[in-house]
Amino acid sequence: MKYNIKLSTVTTYKFGGYCNNFYKISNNDIDLFDEAFSNKEYFILGKGSNVAFSDKDYEGNVINPDFNEISFIKNLGEVKVGSSVFLPDIARFYKDKNLINAEFLIGIPGSVGGAVKMNAGAYGWEFSDILSSIEVYNLVTKKIETLDKDDINFSYRSSSNLENKVIISATLIGTEGDPALIKSRLKENIKYRKDTQPSAIYNAGSVFKNTDQYSAGELIDKAELKGFSIDGVKVSNKHANFFVASKGANSSSLYKLVNHVKEVVDSKFGVSLQKEILFVGKFD
């Protein structure tokens, strides 16, 4: 279905102007892909947890996949999930089925499609560690295709070979495990996030990527930027790689803050932080 919506209603930061071409596409609407991706700039939106739309109206198309199936195929040891499934729901589903190794997903506020694109991870685990294959709609061939994990070329917080492809579903490895260990891991992960990350509603998780060489949060902290703010958006005092917005703040303020922090860290430490958050639309 095609809608006219305010983009602030579909992102965790609650930023964004109007979009007259917002496509919510389910299994019954595959034919809409051709219209949604034709003749305009477009953006594929999952749960909106790492996205900041401009305060100005977005003139392109926003495509919001609505594929929410989740099932365990026991004889194959596989879990089939739609690209729109919320990652913490996968962690809970695995727990209910006594399946192990998805506990790291419990606190990641994104969807399967985003997790594949960004190779989302936490606690030493990455989404590619439990992924077997994905199903995509190829915008060039206009066909549904299957890509094995090795076809996607995963690396830290990134993937490739997904250009002109819309992720429809993923097949995950479903390994049975000790229920007590699964419960213990979940409890530990939930406690760690609660203790170390801000609980404010208006944020989008980590702003900058970490690497093997540095922790973005530690560099921002050492640059004495915790608590620094610009027009209602500030660097969290609890975790410096989380930027928290107050109600009524603007996307342009977040954009200015992100670039300011990036410049300060670069000037102090000679490190060019790479953004994990995506800015979409026109920013001055």
C-alpha atoms as a PDB file:
ATOM      1  CA  MET A   1       0.000   0.000   0.000  1.00  0.00           C
ATOM      2  CA  LYS A   2       1.071   3.578  -0.673  1.00  0.00           C
ATOM      3  CA  TYR A   3       0.719   6.232   2.036  1.00  0.00           C
ATOM      4  CA  ASN A   4       1.384   9.891   2.823  1.00  0.00           C
ATOM      5  CA  ILE A   5       3.025  10.014   6.259  1.00  0.00           C
ATOM      6  CA  LYS A   6       5.254  12.088   8.498  1.00  0.00           C
ATOM      7  CA  LEU A   7       8.592  10.311   8.717  1.00  0.00           C
ATOM      8  CA  SER A   8       9.029  11.300  12.356  1.00  0.00           C
ATOM      9  CA  THR A   9       6.406   8.645  13.174  1.00  0.00           C
ATOM     10  CA  VAL A  10       8.506   5.754  11.818  1.00  0.00           C
ATOM     11  CA  THR A  11      11.977   6.371  13.308  1.00  0.00           C
ATOM     12  CA  THR A  12      13.317   6.064  16.858  1.00  0.00           C
ATOM     13  CA  TYR A  13      14.713   9.616  16.836  1.00  0.00           C
ATOM     14  CA  LYS A  14      11.269  10.958  15.845  1.00  0.00           C
ATOM     15  CA  PHE A  15      12.778  13.209  13.166  1.00  0.00           C
ATOM     16  CA  GLY A  16      11.591  13.820   9.613  1.00  0.00           C
ATOM     17  CA  GLY A  17       9.244  15.767   7.369  1.00  0.00           C
ATOM     18  CA  TYR A  18       6.461  14.380   5.188  1.00  0.00           C
ATOM     19  CA  CYS A  19       6.808  11.736   2.501  1.00  0.00           C
ATOM     20  CA  ASN A  20       4.062  11.471  -0.115  1.00  0.00           C
ATOM     21  CA  ASN A  21       5.383   8.184  -1.451  1.00  0.00           C
ATOM     22  CA  PHE A  22       5.661   5.797   1.506  1.00  0.00           C
ATOM     23  CA  TYR A  23       5.254   2.193   0.381  1.00  0.00           C
ATOM     24  CA  LYS A  24       4.495  -0.541   2.923  1.00  0.00           C
ATOM     25  CA  ILE A  25       5.005  -3.798   1.033  1.00  0.00           C
ATOM     26  CA  SER A  26       3.937  -7.246   2.255  1.00  0.00           C
ATOM     27  CA  ASN A  27       3.977 -10.679   0.645  1.00  0.00           C
ATOM     28  CA  ASN A  28       0.756  -9.777  -1.150  1.00  0.00           C
ATOM     29  CA  ASP A  29       2.195  -6.559  -2.611  1.00  0.00           C
ATOM     30  CA  ILE A  30       5.368  -7.764  -4.364  1.00  0.00           C
ATOM     31  CA  ASP A  31       4.129  -6.133  -7.584  1.00  0.00           C
ATOM     32  CA  LEU A  32       4.477  -2.744  -5.877  1.00  0.00           C
ATOM     33  CA  PHE A  33       8.282  -3.072  -5.920  1.00  0.00           C
ATOM     34  CA  ASP A  34       8.433  -1.974  -9.547  1.00  0.00           C
ATOM     35  CA  GLU A  35       6.424   1.186  -8.854  1.00  0.00           C
ATOM     36  CA  ALA A  36       8.228   1.962  -5.591  1.00  0.00           C
ATOM     37  CA  PHE A  37      11.682   1.780  -7.163  1.00  0.00           C
ATOM     38  CA  SER A  38      10.915   3.569 -10.420  1.00  0.00           C
ATOM     39  CA  ASN A  39      12.212   6.958 -11.546  1.00  0.00           C
ATOM     40  CA  LYS A  40      12.977   8.398  -8.095  1.00  0.00           C
ATOM     41  CA  GLU A  41      15.484   8.464  -5.306  1.00  0.00           C
ATOM     42  CA  TYR A  42      14.478   5.820  -2.778  1.00  0.00           C
ATOM     43  CA  PHE A  43      15.301   4.619   0.717  1.00  0.00           C
ATOM     44  CA  ILE A  44      14.527   1.232   2.259  1.00  0.00           C
ATOM     45  CA  LEU A  45      13.374   1.640   5.866  1.00  0.00           C
ATOM     46  CA  GLY A  46      13.222  -1.100   8.492  1.00  0.00           C
ATOM     47  CA  LYS A  47      12.476  -0.255  12.132  1.00  0.00           C
ATOM     48  CA  GLY A  48      14.043   3.190  11.742  1.00  0.00           C
ATOM     49  CA  SER A  49      16.519   2.629  14.563  1.00  0.00           C
ATOM     50  CA  ASN A  50      19.683   3.907  12.850  1.00  0.00           C
ATOM     51  CA  VAL A  51      18.105   6.555  10.611  1.00  0.00           C
ATOM     52  CA  ALA A  52      17.700  10.317  10.869  1.00  0.00           C
ATOM     53  CA  PHE A  53      15.527  11.849   8.155  1.00  0.00           C
ATOM     54  CA  SER A  54      15.893  15.536   7.352  1.00  0.00           C
ATOM     55  CA  ASP A  55      13.354  17.919   8.867  1.00  0.00           C
ATOM     56  CA  LYS A  56      12.454  18.831   5.290  1.00  0.00           C
ATOM     57  CA  ASP A  57       9.994  16.766   3.267  1.00  0.00           C
ATOM     58  CA  TYR A  58      11.493  13.741   1.519  1.00  0.00           C
ATOM     59  CA  GLU A  59      10.806  13.901  -2.205  1.00  0.00           C
ATOM     60  CA  GLY A  60      11.797  10.336  -3.041  1.00  0.00           C
ATOM     61  CA  ASN A  61      10.150   7.026  -2.243  1.00  0.00           C
ATOM     62  CA  VAL A  62      10.445   5.290   1.115  1.00  0.00           C
ATOM     63  CA  ILE A  63       9.975   1.535   0.967  1.00  0.00           C
ATOM     64  CA  ASN A  64       8.996  -0.150   4.239  1.00  0.00           C
ATOM     65  CA  PRO A  65       8.995  -3.968   3.874  1.00  0.00           C
ATOM     66  CA  ASP A  66       6.352  -5.718   5.983  1.00  0.00           C
ATOM     67  CA  PHE A  67       7.543  -9.318   6.122  1.00  0.00           C
ATOM     68  CA  ASN A  68       7.005 -10.568   9.677  1.00  0.00           C
ATOM     69  CA  GLU A  69       6.843 -14.366   9.499  1.00  0.00           C
ATOM     70  CA  ILE A  70       8.992 -16.421  11.875  1.00  0.00           C
ATOM     71  CA  SER A  71       9.111 -20.215  12.119  1.00  0.00           C
ATOM     72  CA  PHE A  72      11.381 -23.046  13.248  1.00  0.00           C
ATOM     73  CA  ILE A  73      11.920 -25.940  10.822  1.00  0.00           C
ATOM     74  CA  LYS A  74      13.136 -28.492  13.350  1.00  0.00           C
ATOM     75  CA  ASN A  75      14.183 -31.290  10.989  1.00  0.00           C
ATOM     76  CA  LEU A  76      16.440 -28.871   9.090  1.00  0.00           C
ATOM     77  CA  GLY A  77      17.687 -26.994  12.136  1.00  0.00           C
ATOM     78  CA  GLU A  78      16.628 -23.707  10.515  1.00  0.00           C
ATOM     79  CA  VAL A  79      14.714 -20.628  11.585  1.00  0.00           C
ATOM     80  CA  LYS A  80      12.964 -18.699   8.785  1.00  0.00           C
ATOM     81  CA  VAL A  81      12.434 -15.006   9.524  1.00  0.00           C
ATOM     82  CA  GLY A  82      10.923 -12.195   7.485  1.00  0.00           C
ATOM     83  CA  SER A  83      13.087  -9.133   6.865  1.00  0.00           C
ATOM     84  CA  SER A  84      10.853  -6.978   9.083  1.00  0.00           C
ATOM     85  CA  VAL A  85      11.086  -9.157  12.191  1.00  0.00           C
ATOM     86  CA  PHE A  86      12.340  -7.237  15.248  1.00  0.00           C
ATOM     87  CA  LEU A  87      15.707  -8.599  16.390  1.00  0.00           C
ATOM     88  CA  PRO A  88      14.826  -8.904  20.116  1.00  0.00           C
ATOM     89  CA  ASP A  89      11.808 -10.989  19.054  1.00  0.00           C
ATOM     90  CA  ILE A  90      14.222 -13.451  17.416  1.00  0.00           C
ATOM     91  CA  ALA A  91      16.176 -13.745  20.675  1.00  0.00           C
ATOM     92  CA  ARG A  92      12.947 -14.494  22.537  1.00  0.00           C
ATOM     93  CA  PHE A  93      11.781 -16.957  19.860  1.00  0.00           C
ATOM     94  CA  TYR A  94      15.086 -18.823  20.098  1.00  0.00           C
ATOM     95  CA  LYS A  95      14.722 -18.983  23.886  1.00  0.00           C
ATOM     96  CA  ASP A  96      11.184 -20.383  23.623  1.00  0.00           C
ATOM     97  CA  LYS A  97      12.419 -23.100  21.237  1.00  0.00           C
ATOM     98  CA  ASN A  98      15.558 -23.825  23.336  1.00  0.00           C
ATOM     99  CA  LEU A  99      17.798 -22.599  20.510  1.00  0.00           C
ATOM    100  CA  ILE A 100      21.155 -21.032  21.343  1.00  0.00           C
ATOM    101  CA  ASN A 101      23.465 -18.267  19.997  1.00  0.00           C
ATOM    102  CA  ALA A 102      20.880 -15.568  19.266  1.00  0.00           C
ATOM    103  CA  GLU A 103      21.052 -14.031  22.740  1.00  0.00           C
ATOM    104  CA  PHE A 104      23.125 -11.094  21.446  1.00  0.00           C
ATOM    105  CA  LEU A 105      20.089  -9.846  19.516  1.00  0.00           C
ATOM    106  CA  ILE A 106      18.044  -9.090  22.637  1.00  0.00           C
ATOM    107  CA  GLY A 107      19.016  -5.427  22.851  1.00  0.00           C
ATOM    108  CA  ILE A 108      19.533  -4.473  19.203  1.00  0.00           C
ATOM    109  CA  PRO A 109      16.570  -2.270  18.167  1.00  0.00           C
ATOM    110  CA  GLY A 110      16.505  -3.133  14.474  1.00  0.00           C
ATOM    111  CA  SER A 111      15.039  -5.534  11.944  1.00  0.00           C
ATOM    112  CA  VAL A 112      16.410  -8.532  10.044  1.00  0.00           C
ATOM    113  CA  GLY A 113      16.890  -6.570   6.826  1.00  0.00           C
ATOM    114  CA  GLY A 114      18.955  -3.930   8.577  1.00  0.00           C
ATOM    115  CA  ALA A 115      20.900  -6.583  10.476  1.00  0.00           C
ATOM    116  CA  VAL A 116      21.912  -8.211   7.191  1.00  0.00           C
ATOM    117  CA  LYS A 117      22.873  -4.920   5.549  1.00  0.00           C
ATOM    118  CA  MET A 118      24.871  -3.695   8.563  1.00  0.00           C
ATOM    119  CA  ASN A 119      25.971  -7.129   9.840  1.00  0.00           C
ATOM    120  CA  ALA A 120      24.620  -6.044  13.223  1.00  0.00           C
ATOM    121  CA  GLY A 121      26.311  -7.387  16.288  1.00  0.00           C
ATOM    122  CA  ALA A 122      27.070  -7.245  19.992  1.00  0.00           C
ATOM    123  CA  TYR A 123      29.095  -9.087  22.642  1.00  0.00           C
ATOM    124  CA  GLY A 124      31.481 -10.551  20.070  1.00  0.00           C
ATOM    125  CA  TRP A 125      28.705 -11.928  17.867  1.00  0.00           C
ATOM    126  CA  GLU A 126      27.575 -10.755  14.412  1.00  0.00           C
ATOM    127  CA  PHE A 127      24.386 -11.500  12.503  1.00  0.00           C
ATOM    128  CA  SER A 128      26.394 -13.343   9.858  1.00  0.00           C
ATOM    129  CA  ASP A 129      27.414 -15.868  12.555  1.00  0.00           C
ATOM    130  CA  ILE A 130      23.898 -17.312  12.642  1.00  0.00           C
ATOM    131  CA  LEU A 131      22.906 -16.640   9.018  1.00  0.00           C
ATOM    132  CA  SER A 132      22.609 -19.369   6.385  1.00  0.00           C
ATOM    133  CA  SER A 133      21.002 -17.565   3.424  1.00  0.00           C
ATOM    134  CA  ILE A 134      18.654 -14.752   2.430  1.00  0.00           C
ATOM    135  CA  GLU A 135      15.818 -14.371  -0.044  1.00  0.00           C
ATOM    136  CA  VAL A 136      15.784 -11.151  -2.060  1.00  0.00           C
ATOM    137  CA  TYR A 137      13.766  -9.436  -4.749  1.00  0.00           C
ATOM    138  CA  ASN A 138      16.164  -8.449  -7.534  1.00  0.00           C
ATOM    139  CA  LEU A 139      15.112  -5.086  -8.965  1.00  0.00           C
ATOM    140  CA  VAL A 140      17.022  -5.721 -12.192  1.00  0.00           C
ATOM    141  CA  THR A 141      15.820  -9.226 -13.031  1.00  0.00           C
ATOM    142  CA  LYS A 142      12.481  -8.610 -11.257  1.00  0.00           C
ATOM    143  CA  LYS A 143      12.712 -12.062  -9.723  1.00  0.00           C
ATOM    144  CA  ILE A 144      12.975 -13.508  -6.231  1.00  0.00           C
ATOM    145  CA  GLU A 145      16.450 -14.980  -5.696  1.00  0.00           C
ATOM    146  CA  THR A 146      18.347 -16.783  -2.927  1.00  0.00           C
ATOM    147  CA  LEU A 147      21.820 -15.708  -1.800  1.00  0.00           C
ATOM    148  CA  ASP A 148      23.955 -17.939   0.397  1.00  0.00           C
ATOM    149  CA  LYS A 149      25.895 -16.355   3.240  1.00  0.00           C
ATOM    150  CA  ASP A 150      29.156 -16.610   1.299  1.00  0.00           C
ATOM    151  CA  ASP A 151      27.633 -14.582  -1.561  1.00  0.00           C
ATOM    152  CA  ILE A 152      27.205 -11.522   0.655  1.00  0.00           C
ATOM    153  CA  ASN A 153      30.839 -10.814   1.634  1.00  0.00           C
ATOM    154  CA  PHE A 154      30.252  -9.818   5.243  1.00  0.00           C
ATOM    155  CA  SER A 155      32.726  -7.733   7.228  1.00  0.00           C
ATOM    156  CA  TYR A 156      32.510  -5.634  10.386  1.00  0.00           C
ATOM    157  CA  ARG A 157      29.189  -3.738  10.288  1.00  0.00           C
ATOM    158  CA  SER A 158      28.900  -4.070   6.533  1.00  0.00           C
ATOM    159  CA  SER A 159      27.990  -6.351   3.647  1.00  0.00           C
ATOM    160  CA  SER A 160      28.175  -6.234  -0.126  1.00  0.00           C
ATOM    161  CA  ASN A 161      26.521  -7.710  -3.221  1.00  0.00           C
ATOM    162  CA  LEU A 162      23.120  -6.405  -2.113  1.00  0.00           C
ATOM    163  CA  GLU A 163      22.822  -3.545  -4.601  1.00  0.00           C
ATOM    164  CA  ASN A 164      19.436  -3.416  -6.367  1.00  0.00           C
ATOM    165  CA  LYS A 165      18.130  -6.140  -4.056  1.00  0.00           C
ATOM    166  CA  VAL A 166      15.389  -5.967  -1.426  1.00  0.00           C
ATOM    167  CA  ILE A 167      15.710  -8.454   1.413  1.00  0.00           C
ATOM    168  CA  ILE A 168      12.500 -10.429   1.902  1.00  0.00           C
ATOM    169  CA  SER A 169      13.552 -13.095   4.395  1.00  0.00           C
ATOM    170  CA  ALA A 170      16.508 -14.850   5.990  1.00  0.00           C
ATOM    171  CA  THR A 171      17.229 -18.430   6.969  1.00  0.00           C
ATOM    172  CA  LEU A 172      19.080 -18.689  10.278  1.00  0.00           C
ATOM    173  CA  ILE A 173      20.906 -21.568  11.916  1.00  0.00           C
ATOM    174  CA  GLY A 174      18.793 -23.071  14.681  1.00  0.00           C
ATOM    175  CA  THR A 175      21.051 -24.967  17.091  1.00  0.00           C
ATOM    176  CA  GLU A 176      19.449 -26.570  20.133  1.00  0.00           C
ATOM    177  CA  GLY A 177      21.135 -25.665  23.412  1.00  0.00           C
ATOM    178  CA  ASP A 178      20.980 -25.751  27.192  1.00  0.00           C
ATOM    179  CA  PRO A 179      17.916 -23.724  28.342  1.00  0.00           C
ATOM    180  CA  ALA A 180      19.745 -22.634  31.515  1.00  0.00           C
ATOM    181  CA  LEU A 181      22.699 -21.281  29.513  1.00  0.00           C
ATOM    182  CA  ILE A 182      20.400 -19.478  27.078  1.00  0.00           C
ATOM    183  CA  LYS A 183      18.485 -17.860  29.957  1.00  0.00           C
ATOM    184  CA  SER A 184      21.732 -16.886  31.687  1.00  0.00           C
ATOM    185  CA  ARG A 185      23.157 -15.243  28.562  1.00  0.00           C
ATOM    186  CA  LEU A 186      19.966 -13.281  27.949  1.00  0.00           C
ATOM    187  CA  LYS A 187      19.862 -12.065  31.534  1.00  0.00           C
ATOM    188  CA  GLU A 188      23.509 -11.002  31.389  1.00  0.00           C
ATOM    189  CA  ASN A 189      23.083  -9.164  28.066  1.00  0.00           C
ATOM    190  CA  ILE A 190      19.966  -7.329  29.228  1.00  0.00           C
ATOM    191  CA  LYS A 191      21.698  -6.239  32.453  1.00  0.00           C
ATOM    192  CA  TYR A 192      24.796  -5.045  30.585  1.00  0.00           C
ATOM    193  CA  ARG A 193      22.768  -2.872  28.208  1.00  0.00           C
ATOM    194  CA  LYS A 194      20.702  -1.457  31.047  1.00  0.00           C
ATOM    195  CA  ASP A 195      23.845  -0.612  33.030  1.00  0.00           C
ATOM    196  CA  THR A 196      25.849   0.916  30.174  1.00  0.00           C
ATOM    197  CA  GLN A 197      23.427   2.444  27.662  1.00  0.00           C
ATOM    198  CA  PRO A 198      20.906   5.291  27.984  1.00  0.00           C
ATOM    199  CA  SER A 199      17.250   4.357  28.272  1.00  0.00           C
ATOM    200  CA  ALA A 200      16.032   7.565  26.606  1.00  0.00           C
ATOM    201  CA  ILE A 201      13.407   7.023  23.936  1.00  0.00           C
ATOM    202  CA  TYR A 202      14.873   9.358  21.327  1.00  0.00           C
ATOM    203  CA  ASN A 203      18.126   7.765  20.201  1.00  0.00           C
ATOM    204  CA  ALA A 204      19.297   5.402  17.461  1.00  0.00           C
ATOM    205  CA  GLY A 205      21.876   3.219  19.134  1.00  0.00           C
ATOM    206  CA  SER A 206      25.565   3.641  18.349  1.00  0.00           C
ATOM    207  CA  VAL A 207      26.308   6.779  16.324  1.00  0.00           C
ATOM    208  CA  PHE A 208      29.801   5.808  15.155  1.00  0.00           C
ATOM    209  CA  LYS A 209      31.351   2.471  14.238  1.00  0.00           C
ATOM    210  CA  ASN A 210      33.958   0.823  16.439  1.00  0.00           C
ATOM    211  CA  THR A 211      37.004  -0.852  14.912  1.00  0.00           C
ATOM    212  CA  ASP A 212      39.726  -3.229  16.062  1.00  0.00           C
ATOM    213  CA  GLN A 213      41.898  -0.161  16.689  1.00  0.00           C
ATOM    214  CA  TYR A 214      39.543   1.947  18.801  1.00  0.00           C
ATOM    215  CA  SER A 215      36.240   2.313  20.621  1.00  0.00           C
ATOM    216  CA  ALA A 216      34.334   5.343  19.354  1.00  0.00           C
ATOM    217  CA  GLY A 217      32.735   5.881  22.756  1.00  0.00           C
ATOM    218  CA  GLU A 218      36.104   5.924  24.536  1.00  0.00           C
ATOM    219  CA  LEU A 219      37.533   8.467  22.084  1.00  0.00           C
ATOM    220  CA  ILE A 220      34.505  10.748  22.474  1.00  0.00           C
ATOM    221  CA  ASP A 221      34.773  10.419  26.261  1.00  0.00           C
ATOM    222  CA  LYS A 222      38.515  11.241  26.195  1.00  0.00           C
ATOM    223  CA  ALA A 223      37.703  14.288  24.069  1.00  0.00           C
ATOM    224  CA  GLU A 224      35.579  15.435  27.041  1.00  0.00           C
ATOM    225  CA  LEU A 225      32.413  15.603  24.956  1.00  0.00           C
ATOM    226  CA  LYS A 226      30.070  13.684  27.270  1.00  0.00           C
ATOM    227  CA  GLY A 227      27.074  15.902  27.944  1.00  0.00           C
ATOM    228  CA  PHE A 228      27.939  18.302  25.113  1.00  0.00           C
ATOM    229  CA  SER A 229      24.759  19.403  23.346  1.00  0.00           C
ATOM    230  CA  ILE A 230      23.484  21.382  20.390  1.00  0.00           C
ATOM    231  CA  ASP A 231      19.888  22.618  20.428  1.00  0.00           C
ATOM    232  CA  GLY A 232      18.313  19.749  22.335  1.00  0.00           C
ATOM    233  CA  VAL A 233      20.524  16.882  21.163  1.00  0.00           C
ATOM    234  CA  LYS A 234      23.382  15.804  23.422  1.00  0.00           C
ATOM    235  CA  VAL A 235      26.118  13.241  23.841  1.00  0.00           C
ATOM    236  CA  SER A 236      24.872  10.825  26.499  1.00  0.00           C
ATOM    237  CA  ASN A 237      26.539  11.063  29.903  1.00  0.00           C
ATOM    238  CA  LYS A 238      26.089   7.321  30.273  1.00  0.00           C
ATOM    239  CA  HIS A 239      27.657   6.188  26.994  1.00  0.00           C
ATOM    240  CA  ALA A 240      29.452   8.694  24.758  1.00  0.00           C
ATOM    241  CA  ASN A 241      28.615   6.851  21.515  1.00  0.00           C
ATOM    242  CA  PHE A 242      24.888   7.403  22.093  1.00  0.00           C
ATOM    243  CA  PHE A 243      23.385  10.779  21.249  1.00  0.00           C
ATOM    244  CA  VAL A 244      20.053  11.537  22.923  1.00  0.00           C
ATOM    245  CA  ALA A 245      17.438  13.967  21.642  1.00  0.00           C
ATOM    246  CA  SER A 246      14.915  15.811  23.765  1.00  0.00           C
ATOM    247  CA  LYS A 247      11.308  15.978  22.631  1.00  0.00           C
ATOM    248  CA  GLY A 248      10.881  18.609  19.937  1.00  0.00           C
ATOM    249  CA  ALA A 249      14.528  18.633  18.857  1.00  0.00           C
ATOM    250  CA  ASN A 250      15.387  18.772  15.159  1.00  0.00           C
ATOM    251  CA  SER A 251      17.282  16.454  12.865  1.00  0.00           C
ATOM    252  CA  SER A 252      19.537  19.334  11.819  1.00  0.00           C
ATOM    253  CA  SER A 253      20.764  19.599  15.432  1.00  0.00           C
ATOM    254  CA  LEU A 254      21.745  15.931  15.462  1.00  0.00           C
ATOM    255  CA  TYR A 255      23.521  16.403  12.135  1.00  0.00           C
ATOM    256  CA  LYS A 256      25.507  19.355  13.522  1.00  0.00           C
ATOM    257  CA  LEU A 257      26.372  17.468  16.719  1.00  0.00           C
ATOM    258  CA  VAL A 258      27.561  14.368  14.876  1.00  0.00           C
ATOM    259  CA  ASN A 259      29.809  16.417  12.614  1.00  0.00           C
ATOM    260  CA  HIS A 260      31.130  18.488  15.514  1.00  0.00           C
ATOM    261  CA  VAL A 261      32.061  15.378  17.508  1.00  0.00           C
ATOM    262  CA  LYS A 262      33.679  13.854  14.435  1.00  0.00           C
ATOM    263  CA  GLU A 263      35.791  16.997  13.884  1.00  0.00           C
ATOM    264  CA  VAL A 264      36.890  17.255  17.529  1.00  0.00           C
ATOM    265  CA  VAL A 265      37.935  13.596  17.744  1.00  0.00           C
ATOM    266  CA  ASP A 266      39.824  13.909  14.451  1.00  0.00           C
ATOM    267  CA  SER A 267      41.674  17.030  15.620  1.00  0.00           C
ATOM    268  CA  LYS A 268      42.574  15.568  19.033  1.00  0.00           C
ATOM    269  CA  PHE A 269      43.455  11.992  18.096  1.00  0.00           C
ATOM    270  CA  GLY A 270      43.868  11.915  14.305  1.00  0.00           C
ATOM    271  CA  VAL A 271      41.025   9.397  14.023  1.00  0.00           C
ATOM    272  CA  SER A 272      38.241   9.846  11.460  1.00  0.00           C
ATOM    273  CA  LEU A 273      35.148   8.283  13.028  1.00  0.00           C
ATOM    274  CA  GLN A 274      32.828   6.486  10.605  1.00  0.00           C
ATOM    275  CA  LYS A 275      29.111   7.135  11.032  1.00  0.00           C
ATOM    276  CA  GLU A 276      26.871   4.179  11.793  1.00  0.00           C
ATOM    277  CA  ILE A 277      23.742   6.320  11.777  1.00  0.00           C
ATOM    278  CA  LEU A 278      22.300   7.146   8.335  1.00  0.00           C
ATOM    279  CA  PHE A 279      21.271  10.701   7.454  1.00  0.00           C
ATOM    280  CA  VAL A 280      18.624  10.713   4.731  1.00  0.00           C
ATOM    281  CA  GLY A 281      17.393  13.740   2.809  1.00  0.00           C
ATOM    282  CA  LYS A 282      18.680  17.303   2.495  1.00  0.00           C
ATOM    283  CA  PHE A 283      20.843  18.722   5.289  1.00  0.00           C
ATOM    284  CA  ASP A 284      22.333  22.223   5.132  1.00  0.00           C
END
